[in-house]
Amino acid sequence: MKEKVIIIGAGAGGLATAIFLKKAGIESVVFEGASIERESGAGFVLTPNGLNVLETLGITKMAEYSFPLEYETTYTSDNKELTSATVVGNAFFSKTFITISRQNLMKLLLEKVEEYNIPVHYNKKLVNLEENSDSITAFFSDNSKVKGEILVGADGIHSRTREIIFPQVKPVYTGYYGIHGLVSSANVKQSINTKASAYIDFDNYLGTFVSKCSPTSNSDILWQFIGKEERKIPATELELADNEFIKNWLSEKISGWDNPFSELLNNTENITSRNIFELEELPHWYHGRVTFVGDALHATNPMLGIGASWALEDGMYLAKMLREHGYRDAFYYFENDRKPIIDPVRKAASQALDKIVELKKFAKTIYDNRIDW
């Protein structure tokens, strides 16, 4: 296969797909609906499987742009220690988990894209697709179009590509919202190293995970907050709200907390907020000349901390199958081999915070029971 592959979406999954295709001798072109300046998302946890992909890509500067995550201690909202674990830093895994800002991960991927001379076009919003016997054409909102042999939708949970191909499959609101922030350690008193902290408010179904994401002292602390809200929050009060609005709103939510997170929130410089959606199961991972990678395909609960790593893996494995097979077989093997790995984990992770809170209540019923005499 030597014809052009069209990739919709220039996030981690889309760029990884393009780079691995190039390594396989397959040309591609990437189209991103947003501007190049837009930053979407504060940061990620990258698990060993994702780090293995970046290693295969030849990205060797991870230590300069990320930070290892070796320990994790969970506290109550009033700062009482509940558990402490070293599972992410022990010999059970081939690599230690890391935390990295989205900006730094994208910088490393875009450097590889430039090295391989892969074209990436911004402000290209997909409008429609047209498929015929030997090609597929993508139409964009600026009235431009491009023709290729196949197309990969890497355009996230609210994928326009998927909406065109599988209009019956909708993102489903999970009952949770997520807020991520970046803080400079130079601006706060507390010190964070390889030990992450989680604070859980069991009564109000709130929690946040705090870790260092860079060896510098600038935007090097990442916090990831999750809260339960039965009704989806309007975009004007979450996704489209400014930093100060979100900080004030979140300060009210945690007004009863007595732990170091308040200092971090007050000094946060960059905030990303969103309602959290999961994806209904697709009838197939492909249709005709179109397939998907990352959140466009299998968006899942962010508490797993594996979404970015799965997107990177998707890009690598899809490119590997296209290197070895025609697109029909490649798409089949991509779904056949990846789906059994991902689907059970997605289903188990559904409503994860609910399960944590319910486990606490269950344990209290058993271990803190008192019989009245």
Protein backbone atom coordinates (compact mmCIF):
# COMPACT_ATOMS: atom_id res chain seq x y z
CA MET A 1 0.00 0.00 0.00
CA LYS A 2 1.65 3.24 -1.17
CA GLU A 3 -1.26 5.68 -1.50
CA LYS A 4 -1.89 8.58 0.82
CA VAL A 5 -3.58 8.02 4.18
CA ILE A 6 -5.75 10.87 5.46
CA ILE A 7 -5.61 11.35 9.25
CA ILE A 8 -8.23 13.53 10.93
CA GLY A 9 -6.91 14.85 14.25
CA ALA A 10 -3.44 15.97 15.33
CA GLY A 11 -3.51 14.73 18.91
CA ALA A 12 -1.23 12.03 20.30
CA GLY A 13 -3.03 9.21 18.48
CA GLY A 14 -3.15 10.94 15.11
CA LEU A 15 0.50 12.01 15.18
CA ALA A 16 1.70 8.58 16.37
CA THR A 17 -0.25 6.97 13.52
CA ALA A 18 1.36 9.31 10.97
CA ILE A 19 4.88 8.72 12.27
CA PHE A 20 4.56 4.94 12.32
CA LEU A 21 3.03 4.96 8.84
CA LYS A 22 6.05 6.92 7.63
CA LYS A 23 8.38 4.39 9.29
CA ALA A 24 6.43 1.70 7.42
CA GLY A 25 6.96 3.51 4.10
CA ILE A 26 3.37 4.77 3.88
CA GLU A 27 2.67 8.45 3.22
CA SER A 28 0.02 10.28 5.19
CA VAL A 29 -1.28 13.80 5.73
CA VAL A 30 -2.80 15.08 8.99
CA PHE A 31 -5.69 17.55 9.29
CA GLU A 32 -6.60 19.22 12.59
CA GLY A 33 -9.77 21.25 13.10
CA ALA A 34 -8.30 23.54 15.76
CA SER A 35 -5.58 26.14 15.41
CA ILE A 36 -1.98 25.25 16.14
CA GLU A 37 -2.00 27.54 19.18
CA ARG A 38 -4.84 25.78 20.98
CA GLU A 39 -3.91 23.72 24.03
CA SER A 40 -6.49 21.09 24.97
CA GLY A 41 -5.80 19.26 28.19
CA ALA A 42 -3.27 19.96 30.91
CA GLY A 43 -1.45 16.64 31.06
CA PHE A 44 -1.47 12.86 31.22
CA VAL A 45 -0.21 9.88 33.08
CA LEU A 46 1.70 7.68 30.64
CA THR A 47 1.83 3.99 31.49
CA PRO A 48 4.61 1.57 30.48
CA ASN A 49 2.78 0.44 27.33
CA GLY A 50 2.63 4.03 26.08
CA LEU A 51 6.27 4.61 26.98
CA ASN A 52 7.19 1.50 24.99
CA VAL A 53 5.55 3.09 21.94
CA LEU A 54 7.46 6.35 22.37
CA GLU A 55 10.68 4.39 22.78
CA THR A 56 10.01 2.59 19.49
CA LEU A 57 9.43 5.99 17.86
CA GLY A 58 12.94 6.95 18.92
CA ILE A 59 11.85 9.61 21.40
CA THR A 60 14.73 9.56 23.86
CA LYS A 61 14.24 12.84 25.77
CA MET A 62 11.34 11.79 28.01
CA ALA A 63 13.30 12.44 31.22
CA GLU A 64 13.79 16.09 30.20
CA TYR A 65 10.07 16.68 29.73
CA SER A 66 8.29 14.41 32.23
CA PHE A 67 8.58 13.12 35.79
CA PRO A 68 8.50 9.59 37.24
CA LEU A 69 5.53 8.50 39.32
CA GLU A 70 6.89 6.02 41.85
CA TYR A 71 4.62 6.33 44.90
CA GLU A 72 1.04 7.31 45.56
CA THR A 73 -0.56 8.20 48.88
CA THR A 74 -4.31 8.61 49.25
CA TYR A 75 -5.71 11.03 51.83
CA THR A 76 -9.16 12.01 53.01
CA SER A 77 -10.39 15.53 52.35
CA ASP A 78 -9.12 16.52 55.83
CA ASN A 79 -5.65 15.19 55.02
CA LYS A 80 -5.74 11.91 56.94
CA GLU A 81 -3.68 9.21 55.24
CA LEU A 82 -5.67 6.23 53.99
CA THR A 83 -3.26 4.19 51.87
CA SER A 84 0.20 4.37 50.39
CA ALA A 85 1.39 2.28 47.47
CA THR A 86 4.50 1.81 45.36
CA VAL A 87 2.85 -0.28 42.65
CA VAL A 88 3.81 2.09 39.86
CA GLY A 89 7.47 2.03 40.79
CA ASN A 90 8.17 -1.59 41.55
CA ALA A 91 9.59 -4.35 39.38
CA PHE A 92 6.14 -5.59 38.33
CA PHE A 93 6.24 -3.30 35.27
CA SER A 94 8.95 -2.87 32.65
CA LYS A 95 8.98 0.91 33.16
CA THR A 96 7.92 3.39 35.81
CA PHE A 97 4.75 5.36 35.16
CA ILE A 98 5.35 9.02 34.30
CA THR A 99 3.33 12.24 34.30
CA ILE A 100 3.77 14.69 31.43
CA SER A 101 2.05 17.90 30.35
CA ARG A 102 0.12 17.71 27.11
CA GLN A 103 2.21 20.56 25.72
CA ASN A 104 5.45 18.62 26.29
CA LEU A 105 4.13 15.37 24.84
CA MET A 106 2.87 17.19 21.74
CA LYS A 107 6.23 18.98 21.41
CA LEU A 108 8.08 15.64 21.34
CA LEU A 109 5.67 14.12 18.81
CA LEU A 110 5.69 17.20 16.57
CA GLU A 111 9.49 17.18 16.53
CA LYS A 112 9.31 13.64 15.10
CA VAL A 113 6.63 14.70 12.62
CA GLU A 114 8.93 17.48 11.41
CA GLU A 115 11.90 15.10 11.26
CA TYR A 116 9.90 12.79 8.97
CA ASN A 117 8.50 15.68 6.88
CA ILE A 118 4.88 14.71 7.55
CA PRO A 119 2.47 17.50 6.58
CA VAL A 120 0.08 18.71 9.32
CA HIS A 121 -2.64 21.22 8.43
CA TYR A 122 -4.52 23.20 11.10
CA ASN A 123 -7.91 24.98 11.01
CA LYS A 124 -9.24 22.14 8.85
CA LYS A 125 -12.66 21.15 10.22
CA LEU A 126 -14.03 18.00 8.65
CA VAL A 127 -17.52 18.44 7.17
CA ASN A 128 -18.17 15.28 5.17
CA LEU A 129 -16.70 12.18 3.56
CA GLU A 130 -17.31 10.61 0.18
CA GLU A 131 -16.17 7.07 -0.57
CA ASN A 132 -16.02 5.28 -3.93
CA SER A 133 -14.52 2.08 -5.27
CA ASP A 134 -10.86 3.19 -5.13
CA SER A 135 -10.61 6.20 -2.82
CA ILE A 136 -12.11 8.34 -0.08
CA THR A 137 -12.44 12.13 -0.13
CA ALA A 138 -12.59 14.38 2.91
CA PHE A 139 -14.37 17.76 2.64
CA PHE A 140 -13.51 20.62 4.99
CA SER A 141 -15.35 23.74 6.17
CA ASP A 142 -13.04 26.04 4.14
CA ASN A 143 -14.34 24.34 0.94
CA SER A 144 -11.09 22.43 0.43
CA LYS A 145 -10.96 18.67 -0.05
CA VAL A 146 -8.38 15.88 -0.13
CA LYS A 147 -8.45 12.39 -1.62
CA GLY A 148 -6.71 9.34 -0.21
CA GLU A 149 -6.88 5.56 -0.19
CA ILE A 150 -8.02 5.28 3.43
CA LEU A 151 -8.88 7.60 6.30
CA VAL A 152 -8.14 7.38 10.03
CA GLY A 153 -10.37 9.24 12.49
CA ALA A 154 -8.21 10.42 15.41
CA ASP A 155 -10.47 13.31 16.34
CA GLY A 156 -11.42 12.44 19.90
CA ILE A 157 -14.55 11.59 21.87
CA HIS A 158 -16.71 14.03 19.87
CA SER A 159 -15.31 12.74 16.57
CA ARG A 160 -16.86 14.22 13.44
CA THR A 161 -15.41 11.27 11.49
CA ARG A 162 -17.28 8.78 13.66
CA GLU A 163 -20.44 10.89 13.52
CA ILE A 164 -20.41 10.56 9.73
CA ILE A 165 -19.62 6.83 9.62
CA PHE A 166 -21.60 5.64 12.65
CA PRO A 167 -24.24 8.35 13.29
CA GLN A 168 -26.13 6.03 15.63
CA VAL A 169 -23.17 5.83 18.09
CA LYS A 170 -23.24 8.68 20.57
CA PRO A 171 -20.99 9.82 23.42
CA VAL A 172 -22.75 9.16 26.73
CA TYR A 173 -22.42 11.53 29.69
CA THR A 174 -20.99 9.57 32.63
CA GLY A 175 -22.33 11.72 35.45
CA TYR A 176 -18.86 13.17 36.12
CA TYR A 177 -16.88 16.26 35.21
CA GLY A 178 -13.10 16.57 35.08
CA ILE A 179 -10.90 19.60 35.73
CA HIS A 180 -7.13 19.59 35.17
CA GLY A 181 -4.67 22.26 36.18
CA LEU A 182 -0.98 23.12 35.96
CA VAL A 183 0.89 24.90 38.75
CA SER A 184 4.49 26.11 39.02
CA SER A 185 6.23 24.70 42.08
CA ALA A 186 8.16 27.97 42.33
CA ASN A 187 4.87 29.62 43.36
CA VAL A 188 3.81 27.24 46.16
CA LYS A 189 5.26 26.19 49.51
CA GLN A 190 4.64 22.44 49.24
CA SER A 191 7.19 20.15 47.61
CA ILE A 192 6.17 17.35 45.27
CA ASN A 193 8.64 14.81 43.92
CA THR A 194 8.12 11.23 42.74
CA LYS A 195 5.28 10.71 45.25
CA ALA A 196 1.82 11.57 43.98
CA SER A 197 -1.06 12.44 46.28
CA ALA A 198 -4.75 11.71 45.92
CA TYR A 199 -7.41 13.42 48.01
CA ILE A 200 -10.88 11.85 48.16
CA ASP A 201 -14.04 13.41 49.57
CA PHE A 202 -16.18 10.30 50.04
CA ASP A 203 -19.28 12.16 51.18
CA ASN A 204 -19.44 14.44 48.14
CA TYR A 205 -18.03 12.13 45.45
CA LEU A 206 -15.03 14.36 44.74
CA GLY A 207 -11.38 13.50 44.25
CA THR A 208 -8.14 14.91 42.90
CA PHE A 209 -4.79 13.41 41.90
CA VAL A 210 -1.66 15.56 42.22
CA SER A 211 1.75 14.74 40.71
CA LYS A 212 4.86 16.44 39.37
CA CYS A 213 4.98 16.38 35.55
CA SER A 214 8.30 18.05 34.70
CA PRO A 215 11.80 18.34 36.22
CA THR A 216 11.61 22.14 35.96
CA SER A 217 9.89 24.49 38.40
CA ASN A 218 7.59 26.01 35.77
CA SER A 219 4.10 24.50 35.19
CA ASP A 220 5.51 21.32 36.69
CA ILE A 221 2.69 20.24 39.02
CA LEU A 222 -0.35 18.60 37.44
CA TRP A 223 -3.62 18.13 39.30
CA GLN A 224 -6.54 16.15 37.94
CA PHE A 225 -9.88 16.69 39.66
CA ILE A 226 -13.03 14.62 39.19
CA GLY A 227 -16.49 15.24 40.60
CA LYS A 228 -19.94 13.74 40.35
CA GLU A 229 -22.80 15.76 38.85
CA GLU A 230 -25.95 13.91 37.80
CA ARG A 231 -26.88 16.52 35.21
CA LYS A 232 -24.36 17.57 32.57
CA ILE A 233 -22.91 20.99 33.38
CA PRO A 234 -23.58 23.63 30.67
CA ALA A 235 -20.54 24.33 28.50
CA THR A 236 -20.65 28.03 29.43
CA GLU A 237 -20.05 27.03 33.07
CA LEU A 238 -17.34 24.44 32.38
CA GLU A 239 -15.64 23.95 28.99
CA LEU A 240 -16.06 27.60 27.92
CA ALA A 241 -15.62 29.21 31.35
CA ASP A 242 -12.42 31.12 32.13
CA ASN A 243 -9.83 30.15 34.72
CA GLU A 244 -11.07 32.49 37.44
CA PHE A 245 -14.66 31.27 37.13
CA ILE A 246 -13.55 27.63 37.44
CA LYS A 247 -11.22 28.38 40.37
CA ASN A 248 -13.99 30.16 42.27
CA TRP A 249 -16.52 27.44 41.48
CA LEU A 250 -14.13 24.67 42.52
CA SER A 251 -13.13 26.57 45.67
CA GLU A 252 -16.77 26.43 46.74
CA LYS A 253 -16.89 22.70 46.05
CA ILE A 254 -13.91 22.04 48.32
CA SER A 255 -14.68 24.66 50.95
CA GLY A 256 -14.84 21.95 53.61
CA TRP A 257 -11.45 20.45 52.69
CA ASP A 258 -8.41 20.83 54.92
CA ASN A 259 -5.45 19.66 52.82
CA PRO A 260 -2.71 21.10 50.56
CA PHE A 261 -4.82 21.06 47.38
CA SER A 262 -6.34 24.46 48.16
CA GLU A 263 -2.93 26.12 47.82
CA LEU A 264 -2.42 24.46 44.43
CA LEU A 265 -5.83 25.55 43.17
CA ASN A 266 -5.24 29.15 44.24
CA ASN A 267 -1.95 29.26 42.32
CA THR A 268 -3.07 27.39 39.19
CA GLU A 269 -2.08 29.06 35.92
CA ASN A 270 -3.67 26.79 33.32
CA ILE A 271 -7.04 25.04 33.71
CA THR A 272 -8.85 22.66 31.37
CA SER A 273 -12.41 21.63 32.24
CA ARG A 274 -14.86 19.21 30.64
CA ASN A 275 -17.86 17.02 31.15
CA ILE A 276 -16.70 13.41 30.97
CA PHE A 277 -18.21 11.21 28.29
CA GLU A 278 -17.76 7.55 27.48
CA LEU A 279 -18.47 6.03 24.12
CA GLU A 280 -21.16 3.56 23.20
CA GLU A 281 -19.69 0.43 21.66
CA LEU A 282 -19.14 0.71 17.92
CA PRO A 283 -20.61 -2.07 15.73
CA HIS A 284 -17.11 -2.39 14.27
CA TRP A 285 -13.84 -0.50 14.55
CA TYR A 286 -13.95 0.29 10.83
CA HIS A 287 -16.33 0.72 7.92
CA GLY A 288 -15.25 0.69 4.31
CA ARG A 289 -12.09 2.76 3.96
CA VAL A 290 -12.37 4.39 7.40
CA THR A 291 -11.06 3.31 10.80
CA PHE A 292 -10.35 5.10 14.09
CA VAL A 293 -7.77 5.39 16.87
CA GLY A 294 -7.80 6.68 20.45
CA ASP A 295 -10.81 8.35 22.04
CA ALA A 296 -12.67 8.46 18.72
CA LEU A 297 -12.76 4.69 19.02
CA HIS A 298 -12.82 3.72 22.70
CA ALA A 299 -13.02 6.74 25.00
CA THR A 300 -13.06 5.54 28.59
CA ASN A 301 -13.03 6.69 32.20
CA PRO A 302 -9.98 8.99 32.70
CA MET A 303 -9.40 7.58 36.21
CA LEU A 304 -7.63 4.67 34.53
CA GLY A 305 -4.87 7.01 33.36
CA ILE A 306 -4.40 4.92 30.22
CA GLY A 307 -6.22 6.81 27.44
CA ALA A 308 -3.13 8.53 26.00
CA SER A 309 -1.13 5.30 26.08
CA TRP A 310 -3.92 3.42 24.29
CA ALA A 311 -4.02 6.11 21.58
CA LEU A 312 -0.27 5.76 21.03
CA GLU A 313 -0.57 1.97 20.88
CA ASP A 314 -3.47 2.18 18.42
CA GLY A 315 -1.40 4.28 16.03
CA MET A 316 1.54 1.90 16.19
CA TYR A 317 -0.48 -1.29 15.75
CA LEU A 318 -2.63 0.08 12.94
CA ALA A 319 0.48 1.18 11.04
CA LYS A 320 2.06 -2.23 11.63
CA MET A 321 -0.99 -3.99 10.17
CA LEU A 322 -1.05 -1.65 7.17
CA ARG A 323 2.65 -2.37 6.60
CA GLU A 324 1.90 -6.10 6.46
CA HIS A 325 -1.55 -6.22 4.80
CA GLY A 326 -3.95 -4.48 2.47
CA TYR A 327 -6.29 -2.11 4.24
CA ARG A 328 -9.22 -4.57 4.53
CA ASP A 329 -7.16 -7.20 6.33
CA ALA A 330 -5.27 -4.53 8.28
CA PHE A 331 -8.51 -3.07 9.65
CA TYR A 332 -9.80 -6.54 10.50
CA TYR A 333 -6.66 -7.54 12.42
CA PHE A 334 -6.48 -4.15 14.12
CA GLU A 335 -9.93 -4.71 15.65
CA ASN A 336 -9.49 -8.44 16.18
CA ASP A 337 -6.21 -8.06 18.10
CA ARG A 338 -6.78 -4.80 20.01
CA LYS A 339 -10.42 -5.02 21.03
CA PRO A 340 -10.03 -8.00 23.44
CA ILE A 341 -7.33 -6.06 25.29
CA ILE A 342 -9.23 -2.80 25.62
CA ASP A 343 -12.92 -3.68 26.00
CA PRO A 344 -12.77 -5.60 29.30
CA VAL A 345 -10.77 -2.78 30.91
CA ARG A 346 -13.17 -0.12 29.63
CA LYS A 347 -16.17 -1.96 31.05
CA ALA A 348 -14.50 -2.60 34.40
CA ALA A 349 -13.55 1.08 34.72
CA SER A 350 -17.07 2.41 34.23
CA GLN A 351 -18.21 4.55 37.19
CA ALA A 352 -14.86 4.06 38.92
CA LEU A 353 -15.29 6.81 41.51
CA ASP A 354 -18.72 5.44 42.45
CA LYS A 355 -17.11 2.07 43.05
CA ILE A 356 -14.39 3.55 45.26
CA VAL A 357 -16.95 5.36 47.40
CA GLU A 358 -19.22 2.33 47.58
CA LEU A 359 -16.27 0.15 48.61
CA LYS A 360 -15.56 2.55 51.47
CA LYS A 361 -19.19 2.39 52.58
CA PHE A 362 -19.17 -1.39 52.29
CA ALA A 363 -15.98 -1.65 54.35
CA LYS A 364 -17.44 0.68 57.00
CA THR A 365 -20.55 -1.50 57.22
CA ILE A 366 -18.43 -4.59 57.82
CA TYR A 367 -15.56 -3.34 59.98
CA ASP A 368 -17.24 -0.48 61.83
CA ASN A 369 -20.53 -2.19 62.62
CA ARG A 370 -22.02 -1.72 66.08
CA ILE A 371 -24.83 -3.84 67.50
CA ASP A 372 -27.16 -2.02 69.88
CA TRP A 373 -27.82 -3.96 73.07
